[in-house]
Amino acid sequence: MPQVNCRVANCIYWQDGDCEAQKITIAVQGTPNTSSAVNDRSTECETFQARA
């Protein structure tokens, strides 16, 4: 699996700056799955799960 850098330290998959999830899903905010993003702020990681 390729290395995926992450800056969301409160995600359960975050490990010292890397994402340790086995599968990562990224989507465009609020639109159908086939839409194009305008910029990085219009995307979101659907894999994110907050630490308890």
N, C-alpha and C. Protein backbone atom coordinates (compact mmCIF):
# COMPACT_ATOMS: atom_id res chain seq x y z
N MET A 1 0.84 -1.18 0.00
CA MET A 1 0.00 0.00 0.00
C MET A 1 0.88 1.24 0.00
N PRO A 2 0.54 2.26 -0.79
CA PRO A 2 1.36 3.47 -0.79
C PRO A 2 1.24 4.24 0.51
N GLN A 3 2.25 5.02 0.82
CA GLN A 3 2.22 5.84 2.03
C GLN A 3 1.27 7.01 1.80
N VAL A 4 0.36 7.23 2.74
CA VAL A 4 -0.59 8.34 2.67
C VAL A 4 -0.34 9.23 3.86
N ASN A 5 0.07 10.46 3.60
CA ASN A 5 0.31 11.42 4.67
C ASN A 5 -1.02 11.97 5.17
N CYS A 6 -1.09 12.23 6.46
CA CYS A 6 -2.33 12.72 7.07
C CYS A 6 -2.00 13.73 8.15
N ARG A 7 -2.80 14.80 8.24
CA ARG A 7 -2.61 15.81 9.28
C ARG A 7 -3.80 15.88 10.24
N VAL A 8 -4.64 14.85 10.24
CA VAL A 8 -5.83 14.85 11.10
C VAL A 8 -5.54 13.94 12.30
N ALA A 9 -4.92 14.51 13.31
CA ALA A 9 -4.44 13.73 14.44
C ALA A 9 -5.55 13.13 15.30
N ASN A 10 -6.79 13.58 15.14
CA ASN A 10 -7.88 13.02 15.96
C ASN A 10 -8.62 11.89 15.24
N CYS A 11 -8.07 11.38 14.13
CA CYS A 11 -8.66 10.24 13.43
C CYS A 11 -8.06 8.94 13.98
N ILE A 12 -8.89 7.91 14.07
CA ILE A 12 -8.40 6.64 14.62
C ILE A 12 -7.33 6.00 13.74
N TYR A 13 -7.26 6.37 12.47
CA TYR A 13 -6.27 5.79 11.56
C TYR A 13 -4.97 6.59 11.50
N TRP A 14 -4.91 7.73 12.15
CA TRP A 14 -3.72 8.59 12.13
C TRP A 14 -2.63 7.97 12.99
N GLN A 15 -1.41 7.88 12.44
CA GLN A 15 -0.27 7.34 13.18
C GLN A 15 0.97 8.16 12.84
N ASP A 16 1.29 9.11 13.70
CA ASP A 16 2.50 9.93 13.53
C ASP A 16 2.63 10.54 12.13
N GLY A 17 1.54 11.10 11.61
CA GLY A 17 1.58 11.78 10.32
C GLY A 17 1.22 10.91 9.13
N ASP A 18 0.96 9.63 9.34
CA ASP A 18 0.57 8.74 8.25
C ASP A 18 -0.81 8.17 8.51
N CYS A 19 -1.52 7.81 7.42
CA CYS A 19 -2.81 7.14 7.53
C CYS A 19 -2.56 5.64 7.49
N GLU A 20 -3.07 4.93 8.48
CA GLU A 20 -2.87 3.48 8.59
C GLU A 20 -4.12 2.68 8.21
N ALA A 21 -5.12 3.33 7.61
CA ALA A 21 -6.33 2.63 7.18
C ALA A 21 -6.01 1.67 6.04
N GLN A 22 -6.67 0.53 5.99
CA GLN A 22 -6.48 -0.44 4.93
C GLN A 22 -7.09 0.01 3.60
N LYS A 23 -8.12 0.86 3.70
CA LYS A 23 -8.81 1.38 2.52
C LYS A 23 -9.19 2.82 2.80
N ILE A 24 -9.04 3.70 1.82
CA ILE A 24 -9.34 5.12 2.00
C ILE A 24 -10.35 5.54 0.95
N THR A 25 -11.41 6.21 1.38
CA THR A 25 -12.42 6.72 0.46
C THR A 25 -12.42 8.24 0.54
N ILE A 26 -12.27 8.88 -0.61
CA ILE A 26 -12.25 10.34 -0.69
C ILE A 26 -13.36 10.76 -1.65
N ALA A 27 -14.12 11.78 -1.28
CA ALA A 27 -15.26 12.21 -2.10
C ALA A 27 -15.28 13.73 -2.23
N VAL A 28 -16.11 14.20 -3.17
CA VAL A 28 -16.37 15.63 -3.33
C VAL A 28 -17.51 15.97 -2.39
N GLN A 29 -17.38 17.04 -1.63
CA GLN A 29 -18.39 17.40 -0.64
C GLN A 29 -19.73 17.71 -1.28
N GLY A 30 -20.78 17.07 -0.75
CA GLY A 30 -22.15 17.40 -1.09
C GLY A 30 -22.57 17.18 -2.53
N THR A 31 -21.88 16.35 -3.29
CA THR A 31 -22.24 16.13 -4.68
C THR A 31 -22.18 14.64 -5.02
N PRO A 32 -22.71 14.25 -6.17
CA PRO A 32 -22.65 12.84 -6.57
C PRO A 32 -21.21 12.34 -6.70
N ASN A 33 -21.03 11.03 -6.62
CA ASN A 33 -19.70 10.42 -6.65
C ASN A 33 -18.92 10.68 -7.92
N THR A 34 -19.57 11.05 -9.01
CA THR A 34 -18.87 11.25 -10.28
C THR A 34 -18.49 12.70 -10.53
N SER A 35 -18.69 13.59 -9.57
CA SER A 35 -18.38 15.01 -9.74
C SER A 35 -16.89 15.28 -9.63
N SER A 36 -16.47 16.42 -10.18
CA SER A 36 -15.08 16.85 -10.10
C SER A 36 -14.93 17.90 -9.00
N ALA A 37 -13.80 17.88 -8.31
CA ALA A 37 -13.53 18.87 -7.27
C ALA A 37 -13.00 20.15 -7.91
N VAL A 38 -13.40 21.28 -7.33
CA VAL A 38 -12.92 22.58 -7.80
C VAL A 38 -11.53 22.86 -7.22
N ASN A 39 -11.35 22.48 -5.94
CA ASN A 39 -10.06 22.65 -5.26
C ASN A 39 -9.98 21.65 -4.10
N ASP A 40 -8.88 21.67 -3.36
CA ASP A 40 -8.71 20.71 -2.27
C ASP A 40 -9.74 20.88 -1.16
N ARG A 41 -10.27 22.05 -0.99
CA ARG A 41 -11.26 22.29 0.08
C ARG A 41 -12.63 21.73 -0.24
N SER A 42 -12.85 21.34 -1.48
CA SER A 42 -14.14 20.75 -1.83
C SER A 42 -14.10 19.22 -1.77
N THR A 43 -13.04 18.66 -1.19
CA THR A 43 -12.95 17.21 -1.02
C THR A 43 -13.01 16.85 0.46
N GLU A 44 -13.35 15.60 0.73
CA GLU A 44 -13.38 15.13 2.12
C GLU A 44 -13.00 13.65 2.18
N CYS A 45 -12.41 13.26 3.29
CA CYS A 45 -12.04 11.87 3.51
C CYS A 45 -13.20 11.19 4.23
N GLU A 46 -13.88 10.30 3.54
CA GLU A 46 -15.01 9.58 4.14
C GLU A 46 -14.54 8.48 5.07
N THR A 47 -13.26 8.16 5.06
CA THR A 47 -12.69 7.14 5.92
C THR A 47 -12.51 7.64 7.36
N PHE A 48 -12.48 8.96 7.55
CA PHE A 48 -12.24 9.57 8.86
C PHE A 48 -13.20 9.04 9.92
N GLN A 49 -12.64 8.66 11.07
CA GLN A 49 -13.41 8.32 12.25
C GLN A 49 -12.71 8.96 13.45
N ALA A 50 -13.45 9.76 14.20
CA ALA A 50 -12.87 10.47 15.34
C ALA A 50 -12.45 9.50 16.45
N ARG A 51 -11.35 9.82 17.10
CA ARG A 51 -10.92 9.05 18.27
C ARG A 51 -11.88 9.30 19.42
N ALA A 52 -12.13 8.29 20.19
CA ALA A 52 -13.06 8.43 21.34
C ALA A 52 -12.41 9.21 22.46
